[in-house]
Amino acid sequence: MTDGESYNNHLSVRSPLNSVTAHWSRRVTLLFFASAFVAGCSTLETYMPATTRPLTVYKIDINQGNYLSQDMVDKLKAGMTRPQVRTVLGTPLVTSAFRDNRWDYVYEFQRQGKIQEHRQFTVYFVDDKLARWEGDEMPQSIVELNRAAGEKAMKPEPSADDKGFFGKLWDILKSGF
């Protein structure tokens, strides 16, 4: 034996099988933690959206277009002139020089950049007289429309009687002792 050799040489030699197993176990572990991290993010967003909302850019609620109600539509009568229709429904959102016989009234409500409601109503004219109209179902009255818009725009205040998670937990702990 020389000075550099020792009796434990077999311990310092790595087996190719151990190297492959270690490599795959690292990959599996990394894959597990990556999938747990990604799943955790989606679970957090699903069950606790209020925790991730402060991390995003605030987007205002947008009411865009013509507010029409069923009361307004009920006032339409075949044969009305364009100014009469404009008085009843308001100025149309879309008028086209290529389709002069048609006015489109479009309404859209967006919250946080996502469309919550989309309604479309179209009136058709023949010889500058109202011939027909068609479109989506409209709210019954202006009062109902304002109530629905208010409900969409303003969140209801939490109840003063609701103790929340920690209050309920505290009650459980107090009753247990």
N, C-alpha and C. Protein backbone atom coordinates (compact mmCIF):
# COMPACT_ATOMS: atom_id res chain seq x y z
N MET A 1 0.81 -1.18 0.00
CA MET A 1 0.00 0.00 0.00
C MET A 1 0.86 1.24 0.00
N THR A 2 0.36 2.26 -0.71
CA THR A 2 1.09 3.53 -0.73
C THR A 2 0.49 4.44 0.32
N ASP A 3 1.13 5.59 0.50
CA ASP A 3 0.64 6.52 1.52
C ASP A 3 -0.74 7.10 1.18
N GLY A 4 -1.07 7.27 -0.12
CA GLY A 4 -2.34 7.88 -0.51
C GLY A 4 -3.50 6.92 -0.48
N GLU A 5 -3.22 5.62 -0.41
CA GLU A 5 -4.32 4.65 -0.44
C GLU A 5 -4.80 4.37 0.97
N SER A 6 -6.03 3.99 1.07
CA SER A 6 -6.54 3.61 2.37
C SER A 6 -7.41 2.39 2.21
N TYR A 7 -7.80 1.83 3.33
CA TYR A 7 -8.63 0.64 3.30
C TYR A 7 -10.07 0.94 2.92
N ASN A 8 -10.52 2.19 3.00
CA ASN A 8 -11.91 2.56 2.74
C ASN A 8 -12.11 3.15 1.36
N ASN A 9 -11.38 2.70 0.37
CA ASN A 9 -11.54 3.23 -0.99
C ASN A 9 -12.93 2.94 -1.54
N HIS A 10 -13.51 1.83 -1.17
CA HIS A 10 -14.81 1.48 -1.73
C HIS A 10 -15.91 2.46 -1.30
N LEU A 11 -15.75 3.20 -0.22
CA LEU A 11 -16.75 4.18 0.21
C LEU A 11 -16.69 5.46 -0.61
N SER A 12 -15.55 5.81 -1.15
CA SER A 12 -15.44 7.04 -1.90
C SER A 12 -15.87 6.89 -3.36
N VAL A 13 -16.04 5.70 -3.82
CA VAL A 13 -16.46 5.46 -5.20
C VAL A 13 -17.99 5.57 -5.26
N ARG A 14 -18.50 6.40 -6.18
CA ARG A 14 -19.95 6.58 -6.32
C ARG A 14 -20.48 5.59 -7.34
N SER A 15 -21.58 5.02 -6.99
CA SER A 15 -22.24 4.10 -7.90
C SER A 15 -23.07 4.91 -8.89
N PRO A 16 -23.11 4.55 -10.17
CA PRO A 16 -23.94 5.27 -11.15
C PRO A 16 -25.43 5.19 -10.80
N LEU A 17 -25.82 4.10 -10.16
CA LEU A 17 -27.21 3.95 -9.77
C LEU A 17 -27.61 4.97 -8.70
N ASN A 18 -26.73 5.20 -7.74
CA ASN A 18 -27.01 6.21 -6.70
C ASN A 18 -27.10 7.60 -7.30
N SER A 19 -26.30 7.92 -8.29
CA SER A 19 -26.31 9.23 -8.94
C SER A 19 -27.63 9.47 -9.67
N VAL A 20 -28.12 8.47 -10.39
CA VAL A 20 -29.38 8.58 -11.13
C VAL A 20 -30.55 8.71 -10.16
N THR A 21 -30.53 7.92 -9.08
CA THR A 21 -31.59 7.97 -8.09
C THR A 21 -31.63 9.34 -7.41
N ALA A 22 -30.49 9.87 -7.06
CA ALA A 22 -30.44 11.18 -6.42
C ALA A 22 -30.92 12.26 -7.38
N HIS A 23 -30.54 12.14 -8.65
CA HIS A 23 -30.97 13.13 -9.65
C HIS A 23 -32.49 13.12 -9.79
N TRP A 24 -33.09 11.94 -9.89
CA TRP A 24 -34.54 11.84 -10.05
C TRP A 24 -35.27 12.24 -8.78
N SER A 25 -34.72 11.91 -7.64
CA SER A 25 -35.39 12.31 -6.40
C SER A 25 -35.40 13.84 -6.25
N ARG A 26 -34.32 14.50 -6.69
CA ARG A 26 -34.30 15.97 -6.67
C ARG A 26 -35.36 16.53 -7.60
N ARG A 27 -35.49 15.95 -8.77
CA ARG A 27 -36.49 16.42 -9.74
C ARG A 27 -37.91 16.22 -9.21
N VAL A 28 -38.16 15.07 -8.63
CA VAL A 28 -39.49 14.79 -8.09
C VAL A 28 -39.80 15.75 -6.95
N THR A 29 -38.83 15.98 -6.08
CA THR A 29 -39.03 16.91 -4.97
C THR A 29 -39.29 18.32 -5.48
N LEU A 30 -38.51 18.76 -6.46
CA LEU A 30 -38.71 20.08 -7.04
C LEU A 30 -40.07 20.18 -7.71
N LEU A 31 -40.48 19.15 -8.43
CA LEU A 31 -41.78 19.14 -9.08
C LEU A 31 -42.91 19.19 -8.04
N PHE A 32 -42.74 18.47 -6.95
CA PHE A 32 -43.74 18.48 -5.89
C PHE A 32 -43.89 19.87 -5.29
N PHE A 33 -42.78 20.50 -4.95
CA PHE A 33 -42.86 21.84 -4.34
C PHE A 33 -43.38 22.88 -5.33
N ALA A 34 -43.02 22.76 -6.60
CA ALA A 34 -43.52 23.70 -7.60
C ALA A 34 -45.03 23.55 -7.77
N SER A 35 -45.51 22.31 -7.84
CA SER A 35 -46.96 22.11 -7.99
C SER A 35 -47.71 22.54 -6.73
N ALA A 36 -47.14 22.30 -5.56
CA ALA A 36 -47.79 22.74 -4.33
C ALA A 36 -47.84 24.26 -4.26
N PHE A 37 -46.79 24.93 -4.72
CA PHE A 37 -46.77 26.39 -4.73
C PHE A 37 -47.83 26.93 -5.68
N VAL A 38 -47.90 26.39 -6.88
CA VAL A 38 -48.88 26.87 -7.86
C VAL A 38 -50.30 26.56 -7.39
N ALA A 39 -50.53 25.37 -6.86
CA ALA A 39 -51.86 25.02 -6.36
C ALA A 39 -52.23 25.90 -5.17
N GLY A 40 -51.27 26.22 -4.35
CA GLY A 40 -51.52 27.10 -3.21
C GLY A 40 -51.97 28.47 -3.63
N CYS A 41 -51.38 28.99 -4.70
CA CYS A 41 -51.77 30.32 -5.19
C CYS A 41 -53.21 30.31 -5.68
N SER A 42 -53.59 29.30 -6.45
CA SER A 42 -54.95 29.27 -6.96
C SER A 42 -55.95 29.01 -5.84
N THR A 43 -55.58 28.20 -4.87
CA THR A 43 -56.47 27.95 -3.74
C THR A 43 -56.65 29.22 -2.93
N LEU A 44 -55.59 29.95 -2.73
CA LEU A 44 -55.67 31.20 -2.00
C LEU A 44 -56.60 32.17 -2.71
N GLU A 45 -56.50 32.27 -4.02
CA GLU A 45 -57.36 33.17 -4.79
C GLU A 45 -58.81 32.71 -4.74
N THR A 46 -59.05 31.39 -4.75
CA THR A 46 -60.40 30.86 -4.76
C THR A 46 -61.10 31.06 -3.42
N TYR A 47 -60.43 30.70 -2.33
CA TYR A 47 -61.08 30.70 -1.03
C TYR A 47 -60.87 31.98 -0.24
N MET A 48 -59.86 32.74 -0.56
CA MET A 48 -59.59 33.99 0.17
C MET A 48 -59.22 35.10 -0.81
N PRO A 49 -60.16 35.52 -1.66
CA PRO A 49 -59.82 36.52 -2.67
C PRO A 49 -59.42 37.86 -2.08
N ALA A 50 -59.88 38.16 -0.90
CA ALA A 50 -59.57 39.46 -0.29
C ALA A 50 -58.08 39.57 0.04
N THR A 51 -57.40 38.45 0.22
CA THR A 51 -55.98 38.51 0.56
C THR A 51 -55.12 38.83 -0.65
N THR A 52 -55.56 38.42 -1.84
CA THR A 52 -54.77 38.69 -3.04
C THR A 52 -55.21 39.96 -3.76
N ARG A 53 -56.40 40.44 -3.48
CA ARG A 53 -56.90 41.64 -4.15
C ARG A 53 -56.04 42.88 -3.88
N PRO A 54 -55.53 43.09 -2.66
CA PRO A 54 -54.70 44.28 -2.45
C PRO A 54 -53.40 44.26 -3.27
N LEU A 55 -53.03 43.11 -3.77
CA LEU A 55 -51.80 43.02 -4.54
C LEU A 55 -52.01 43.38 -6.01
N THR A 56 -53.24 43.58 -6.43
CA THR A 56 -53.52 43.89 -7.82
C THR A 56 -53.85 45.37 -7.97
N VAL A 57 -53.88 45.83 -9.20
CA VAL A 57 -54.22 47.20 -9.51
C VAL A 57 -55.73 47.37 -9.37
N TYR A 58 -56.16 48.45 -8.75
CA TYR A 58 -57.58 48.71 -8.59
C TYR A 58 -58.17 49.13 -9.93
N LYS A 59 -59.28 48.51 -10.29
CA LYS A 59 -59.99 48.87 -11.51
C LYS A 59 -61.39 49.33 -11.11
N ILE A 60 -61.76 50.51 -11.56
CA ILE A 60 -63.06 51.06 -11.17
C ILE A 60 -64.19 50.35 -11.90
N ASP A 61 -65.39 50.40 -11.31
CA ASP A 61 -66.57 49.86 -11.96
C ASP A 61 -66.97 50.82 -13.07
N ILE A 62 -67.32 50.27 -14.22
CA ILE A 62 -67.65 51.11 -15.38
C ILE A 62 -69.05 50.79 -15.87
N ASN A 63 -69.92 51.78 -15.84
CA ASN A 63 -71.23 51.73 -16.48
C ASN A 63 -71.10 52.50 -17.77
N GLN A 64 -71.29 51.82 -18.88
CA GLN A 64 -71.08 52.49 -20.16
C GLN A 64 -72.25 52.22 -21.08
N GLY A 65 -72.69 53.26 -21.75
CA GLY A 65 -73.75 53.10 -22.74
C GLY A 65 -75.05 53.73 -22.30
N ASN A 66 -76.14 53.22 -22.88
CA ASN A 66 -77.47 53.76 -22.64
C ASN A 66 -78.22 52.92 -21.62
N TYR A 67 -78.69 53.57 -20.55
CA TYR A 67 -79.56 52.91 -19.59
C TYR A 67 -80.96 52.90 -20.18
N LEU A 68 -81.49 51.75 -20.48
CA LEU A 68 -82.87 51.65 -20.96
C LEU A 68 -83.64 50.77 -19.99
N SER A 69 -84.91 51.11 -19.80
CA SER A 69 -85.78 50.29 -18.96
C SER A 69 -86.97 49.83 -19.79
N GLN A 70 -87.70 48.86 -19.25
CA GLN A 70 -88.87 48.36 -19.95
C GLN A 70 -89.94 49.44 -20.07
N ASP A 71 -89.99 50.35 -19.09
CA ASP A 71 -90.93 51.47 -19.17
C ASP A 71 -90.65 52.32 -20.40
N MET A 72 -89.39 52.54 -20.69
CA MET A 72 -89.03 53.35 -21.86
C MET A 72 -89.40 52.62 -23.15
N VAL A 73 -89.12 51.31 -23.18
CA VAL A 73 -89.44 50.52 -24.38
C VAL A 73 -90.95 50.47 -24.59
N ASP A 74 -91.71 50.39 -23.51
CA ASP A 74 -93.17 50.34 -23.63
C ASP A 74 -93.75 51.62 -24.23
N LYS A 75 -93.05 52.73 -24.15
CA LYS A 75 -93.53 54.00 -24.71
C LYS A 75 -93.35 54.06 -26.23
N LEU A 76 -92.57 53.15 -26.80
CA LEU A 76 -92.37 53.16 -28.25
C LEU A 76 -93.64 52.72 -28.97
N LYS A 77 -93.89 53.39 -30.09
CA LYS A 77 -95.03 53.03 -30.95
C LYS A 77 -94.58 53.10 -32.39
N ALA A 78 -95.01 52.16 -33.17
CA ALA A 78 -94.66 52.16 -34.59
C ALA A 78 -95.16 53.46 -35.22
N GLY A 79 -94.34 54.05 -36.08
CA GLY A 79 -94.70 55.29 -36.75
C GLY A 79 -94.14 56.53 -36.08
N MET A 80 -93.46 56.38 -34.93
CA MET A 80 -92.86 57.55 -34.29
C MET A 80 -91.72 58.09 -35.15
N THR A 81 -91.47 59.38 -35.07
CA THR A 81 -90.38 59.99 -35.82
C THR A 81 -89.07 59.80 -35.05
N ARG A 82 -87.96 60.08 -35.72
CA ARG A 82 -86.65 59.95 -35.08
C ARG A 82 -86.53 60.86 -33.84
N PRO A 83 -86.94 62.12 -33.91
CA PRO A 83 -86.85 62.96 -32.70
C PRO A 83 -87.71 62.43 -31.55
N GLN A 84 -88.86 61.86 -31.86
CA GLN A 84 -89.70 61.30 -30.81
C GLN A 84 -89.03 60.09 -30.15
N VAL A 85 -88.41 59.24 -30.96
CA VAL A 85 -87.70 58.08 -30.41
C VAL A 85 -86.52 58.54 -29.57
N ARG A 86 -85.83 59.58 -30.06
CA ARG A 86 -84.69 60.12 -29.30
C ARG A 86 -85.16 60.71 -27.97
N THR A 87 -86.33 61.29 -27.94
CA THR A 87 -86.87 61.84 -26.69
C THR A 87 -87.19 60.72 -25.70
N VAL A 88 -87.72 59.61 -26.19
CA VAL A 88 -88.10 58.51 -25.31
C VAL A 88 -86.88 57.71 -24.84
N LEU A 89 -85.98 57.36 -25.75
CA LEU A 89 -84.86 56.47 -25.41
C LEU A 89 -83.54 57.20 -25.17
N GLY A 90 -83.43 58.41 -25.62
CA GLY A 90 -82.16 59.12 -25.51
C GLY A 90 -81.35 58.97 -26.79
N THR A 91 -80.21 59.61 -26.82
CA THR A 91 -79.34 59.55 -27.99
C THR A 91 -78.71 58.16 -28.09
N PRO A 92 -78.80 57.53 -29.27
CA PRO A 92 -78.24 56.18 -29.40
C PRO A 92 -76.72 56.19 -29.27
N LEU A 93 -76.19 55.12 -28.74
CA LEU A 93 -74.74 54.99 -28.59
C LEU A 93 -74.09 54.79 -29.95
N VAL A 94 -74.75 54.02 -30.82
CA VAL A 94 -74.16 53.71 -32.12
C VAL A 94 -75.11 54.14 -33.23
N THR A 95 -74.64 55.04 -34.08
CA THR A 95 -75.34 55.36 -35.33
C THR A 95 -74.32 55.22 -36.44
N SER A 96 -74.76 54.69 -37.55
CA SER A 96 -73.84 54.43 -38.64
C SER A 96 -74.31 55.16 -39.90
N ALA A 97 -73.37 55.76 -40.60
CA ALA A 97 -73.69 56.42 -41.86
C ALA A 97 -74.04 55.39 -42.93
N PHE A 98 -73.57 54.16 -42.74
CA PHE A 98 -73.84 53.11 -43.73
C PHE A 98 -75.19 52.44 -43.49
N ARG A 99 -75.69 52.51 -42.27
CA ARG A 99 -77.01 51.95 -41.95
C ARG A 99 -77.82 53.05 -41.27
N ASP A 100 -78.29 53.96 -42.07
CA ASP A 100 -78.99 55.13 -41.55
C ASP A 100 -80.36 54.78 -40.95
N ASN A 101 -80.87 53.60 -41.29
CA ASN A 101 -82.20 53.22 -40.82
C ASN A 101 -82.16 52.45 -39.50
N ARG A 102 -81.03 52.46 -38.82
CA ARG A 102 -80.88 51.64 -37.60
C ARG A 102 -80.13 52.42 -36.52
N TRP A 103 -80.66 52.37 -35.30
CA TRP A 103 -79.97 52.92 -34.14
C TRP A 103 -79.75 51.79 -33.14
N ASP A 104 -78.56 51.75 -32.55
CA ASP A 104 -78.23 50.73 -31.56
C ASP A 104 -78.01 51.39 -30.20
N TYR A 105 -78.68 50.86 -29.20
CA TYR A 105 -78.51 51.29 -27.82
C TYR A 105 -77.82 50.14 -27.09
N VAL A 106 -76.61 50.38 -26.63
CA VAL A 106 -75.81 49.33 -25.99
C VAL A 106 -75.50 49.77 -24.56
N TYR A 107 -75.59 48.83 -23.64
CA TYR A 107 -75.24 49.08 -22.25
C TYR A 107 -74.30 47.97 -21.78
N GLU A 108 -73.28 48.37 -21.03
CA GLU A 108 -72.33 47.39 -20.51
C GLU A 108 -71.87 47.81 -19.13
N PHE A 109 -71.80 46.84 -18.23
CA PHE A 109 -71.30 47.08 -16.87
C PHE A 109 -70.09 46.20 -16.64
N GLN A 110 -68.97 46.83 -16.24
CA GLN A 110 -67.74 46.09 -15.97
C GLN A 110 -67.33 46.30 -14.52
N ARG A 111 -66.92 45.20 -13.89
CA ARG A 111 -66.37 45.26 -12.53
C ARG A 111 -65.02 44.56 -12.57
N GLN A 112 -64.00 45.28 -12.08
CA GLN A 112 -62.63 44.76 -12.06
C GLN A 112 -62.19 44.29 -13.45
N GLY A 113 -62.64 44.99 -14.47
CA GLY A 113 -62.23 44.69 -15.84
C GLY A 113 -62.97 43.54 -16.48
N LYS A 114 -63.93 42.94 -15.78
CA LYS A 114 -64.69 41.82 -16.33
C LYS A 114 -66.12 42.27 -16.58
N ILE A 115 -66.67 41.92 -17.73
CA ILE A 115 -68.02 42.32 -18.10
C ILE A 115 -69.01 41.54 -17.25
N GLN A 116 -69.83 42.26 -16.49
CA GLN A 116 -70.84 41.65 -15.63
C GLN A 116 -72.20 41.60 -16.33
N GLU A 117 -72.47 42.62 -17.14
CA GLU A 117 -73.77 42.71 -17.80
C GLU A 117 -73.60 43.39 -19.15
N HIS A 118 -74.28 42.87 -20.15
CA HIS A 118 -74.25 43.45 -21.49
C HIS A 118 -75.66 43.36 -22.07
N ARG A 119 -76.21 44.51 -22.45
CA ARG A 119 -77.54 44.54 -23.07
C ARG A 119 -77.48 45.34 -24.36
N GLN A 120 -78.28 44.91 -25.32
CA GLN A 120 -78.32 45.60 -26.60
C GLN A 120 -79.77 45.74 -27.05
N PHE A 121 -80.09 46.91 -27.58
CA PHE A 121 -81.44 47.19 -28.06
C PHE A 121 -81.30 47.95 -29.37
N THR A 122 -82.05 47.54 -30.38
CA THR A 122 -81.94 48.15 -31.71
C THR A 122 -83.32 48.60 -32.19
N VAL A 123 -83.37 49.80 -32.74
CA VAL A 123 -84.60 50.30 -33.36
C VAL A 123 -84.34 50.47 -34.86
N TYR A 124 -85.37 50.16 -35.67
CA TYR A 124 -85.25 50.24 -37.12
C TYR A 124 -86.28 51.24 -37.66
N PHE A 125 -85.84 52.03 -38.61
CA PHE A 125 -86.69 53.06 -39.22
C PHE A 125 -86.91 52.74 -40.69
N VAL A 126 -88.11 53.06 -41.18
CA VAL A 126 -88.42 53.00 -42.61
C VAL A 126 -89.06 54.34 -42.95
N ASP A 127 -88.46 55.06 -43.90
CA ASP A 127 -88.93 56.40 -44.30
C ASP A 127 -88.97 57.34 -43.09
N ASP A 128 -87.92 57.29 -42.25
CA ASP A 128 -87.77 58.12 -41.05
C ASP A 128 -88.88 57.93 -40.02
N LYS A 129 -89.56 56.80 -40.06
CA LYS A 129 -90.59 56.45 -39.08
C LYS A 129 -90.18 55.13 -38.42
N LEU A 130 -90.45 55.01 -37.13
CA LEU A 130 -90.10 53.79 -36.40
C LEU A 130 -90.92 52.62 -36.95
N ALA A 131 -90.22 51.59 -37.41
CA ALA A 131 -90.88 50.43 -37.98
C ALA A 131 -90.92 49.26 -36.98
N ARG A 132 -89.78 48.97 -36.33
CA ARG A 132 -89.74 47.86 -35.39
C ARG A 132 -88.56 48.04 -34.44
N TRP A 133 -88.54 47.24 -33.38
CA TRP A 133 -87.43 47.27 -32.44
C TRP A 133 -87.24 45.87 -31.88
N GLU A 134 -86.02 45.61 -31.44
CA GLU A 134 -85.69 44.30 -30.87
C GLU A 134 -84.50 44.46 -29.94
N GLY A 135 -84.36 43.52 -29.04
CA GLY A 135 -83.22 43.57 -28.14
C GLY A 135 -83.38 42.69 -26.93
N ASP A 136 -82.43 42.83 -26.03
CA ASP A 136 -82.41 42.04 -24.80
C ASP A 136 -83.51 42.50 -23.85
N GLU A 137 -83.79 41.67 -22.87
CA GLU A 137 -84.78 42.02 -21.86
C GLU A 137 -84.24 43.16 -21.01
N MET A 138 -85.09 44.13 -20.77
CA MET A 138 -84.70 45.32 -20.02
C MET A 138 -85.27 45.27 -18.61
N PRO A 139 -84.65 45.99 -17.67
CA PRO A 139 -85.21 46.09 -16.32
C PRO A 139 -86.58 46.76 -16.37
N GLN A 140 -87.43 46.47 -15.40
CA GLN A 140 -88.81 46.93 -15.43
C GLN A 140 -88.97 48.45 -15.36
N SER A 141 -88.21 49.12 -14.54
CA SER A 141 -88.40 50.56 -14.39
C SER A 141 -87.07 51.22 -14.06
N ILE A 142 -87.07 52.53 -14.10
CA ILE A 142 -85.87 53.30 -13.76
C ILE A 142 -85.49 53.05 -12.30
N VAL A 143 -86.48 52.93 -11.44
CA VAL A 143 -86.21 52.68 -10.02
C VAL A 143 -85.49 51.34 -9.87
N GLU A 144 -85.98 50.33 -10.56
CA GLU A 144 -85.33 49.01 -10.50
C GLU A 144 -83.93 49.07 -11.10
N LEU A 145 -83.78 49.81 -12.17
CA LEU A 145 -82.47 49.97 -12.80
C LEU A 145 -81.48 50.63 -11.86
N ASN A 146 -81.92 51.69 -11.19
CA ASN A 146 -81.05 52.37 -10.22
C ASN A 146 -80.71 51.46 -9.04
N ARG A 147 -81.68 50.68 -8.58
CA ARG A 147 -81.43 49.75 -7.48
C ARG A 147 -80.40 48.70 -7.90
N ALA A 148 -80.56 48.14 -9.10
CA ALA A 148 -79.63 47.12 -9.59
C ALA A 148 -78.23 47.70 -9.78
N ALA A 149 -78.15 48.92 -10.31
CA ALA A 149 -76.84 49.55 -10.49
C ALA A 149 -76.19 49.84 -9.14
N GLY A 150 -76.99 50.25 -8.16
CA GLY A 150 -76.46 50.50 -6.83
C GLY A 150 -75.96 49.24 -6.16
N GLU A 151 -76.67 48.14 -6.34
CA GLU A 151 -76.24 46.86 -5.77
C GLU A 151 -74.94 46.39 -6.40
N LYS A 152 -74.78 46.64 -7.67
CA LYS A 152 -73.56 46.21 -8.36
C LYS A 152 -72.38 47.10 -7.99
N ALA A 153 -72.64 48.37 -7.81
CA ALA A 153 -71.56 49.31 -7.56
C ALA A 153 -71.12 49.32 -6.10
N MET A 154 -72.06 49.16 -5.17
CA MET A 154 -71.73 49.24 -3.76
C MET A 154 -71.90 47.87 -3.11
N LYS A 155 -70.89 47.48 -2.37
CA LYS A 155 -70.98 46.22 -1.64
C LYS A 155 -71.78 46.45 -0.36
N PRO A 156 -72.58 45.46 0.04
CA PRO A 156 -73.31 45.63 1.29
C PRO A 156 -72.34 45.65 2.47
N GLU A 157 -72.68 46.44 3.48
CA GLU A 157 -71.82 46.52 4.65
C GLU A 157 -71.94 45.24 5.45
N PRO A 158 -70.83 44.78 6.01
CA PRO A 158 -70.92 43.56 6.82
C PRO A 158 -71.78 43.81 8.05
N SER A 159 -72.44 42.78 8.48
CA SER A 159 -73.33 42.90 9.63
C SER A 159 -72.53 43.17 10.89
N ALA A 160 -73.06 44.01 11.74
CA ALA A 160 -72.40 44.31 13.01
C ALA A 160 -72.47 43.11 13.95
N ASP A 161 -73.43 42.22 13.73
CA ASP A 161 -73.58 41.04 14.57
C ASP A 161 -72.58 39.95 14.23
N ASP A 162 -71.99 40.00 13.04
CA ASP A 162 -71.04 38.98 12.63
C ASP A 162 -69.71 39.20 13.35
N LYS A 163 -69.30 38.22 14.15
CA LYS A 163 -68.08 38.35 14.93
C LYS A 163 -66.84 38.03 14.13
N GLY A 164 -67.01 37.39 12.99
CA GLY A 164 -65.86 37.02 12.19
C GLY A 164 -65.21 35.74 12.71
N PHE A 165 -64.17 35.32 12.05
CA PHE A 165 -63.49 34.07 12.38
C PHE A 165 -62.88 34.10 13.77
N PHE A 166 -62.11 35.16 14.08
CA PHE A 166 -61.42 35.21 15.35
C PHE A 166 -62.40 35.39 16.52
N GLY A 167 -63.47 36.11 16.31
CA GLY A 167 -64.48 36.26 17.35
C GLY A 167 -65.14 34.93 17.66
N LYS A 168 -65.45 34.14 16.63
CA LYS A 168 -66.05 32.82 16.84
C LYS A 168 -65.05 31.89 17.52
N LEU A 169 -63.80 31.96 17.11
CA LEU A 169 -62.75 31.14 17.73
C LEU A 169 -62.60 31.51 19.20
N TRP A 170 -62.63 32.80 19.52
CA TRP A 170 -62.52 33.26 20.90
C TRP A 170 -63.70 32.74 21.73
N ASP A 171 -64.91 32.76 21.17
CA ASP A 171 -66.08 32.24 21.88
C ASP A 171 -65.94 30.75 22.17
N ILE A 172 -65.40 30.01 21.22
CA ILE A 172 -65.20 28.57 21.42
C ILE A 172 -64.20 28.33 22.54
N LEU A 173 -63.10 29.11 22.51
CA LEU A 173 -62.08 28.95 23.54
C LEU A 173 -62.60 29.34 24.92
N LYS A 174 -63.42 30.41 24.99
CA LYS A 174 -63.98 30.84 26.27
C LYS A 174 -64.94 29.81 26.83
N SER A 175 -65.73 29.22 25.97
CA SER A 175 -66.72 28.25 26.45
C SER A 175 -66.06 26.93 26.86
N GLY A 176 -64.86 26.64 26.32
CA GLY A 176 -64.16 25.40 26.65
C GLY A 176 -63.48 25.45 27.99
N PHE A 177 -63.20 26.63 28.54
CA PHE A 177 -62.48 26.74 29.81
C PHE A 177 -63.39 27.01 30.95
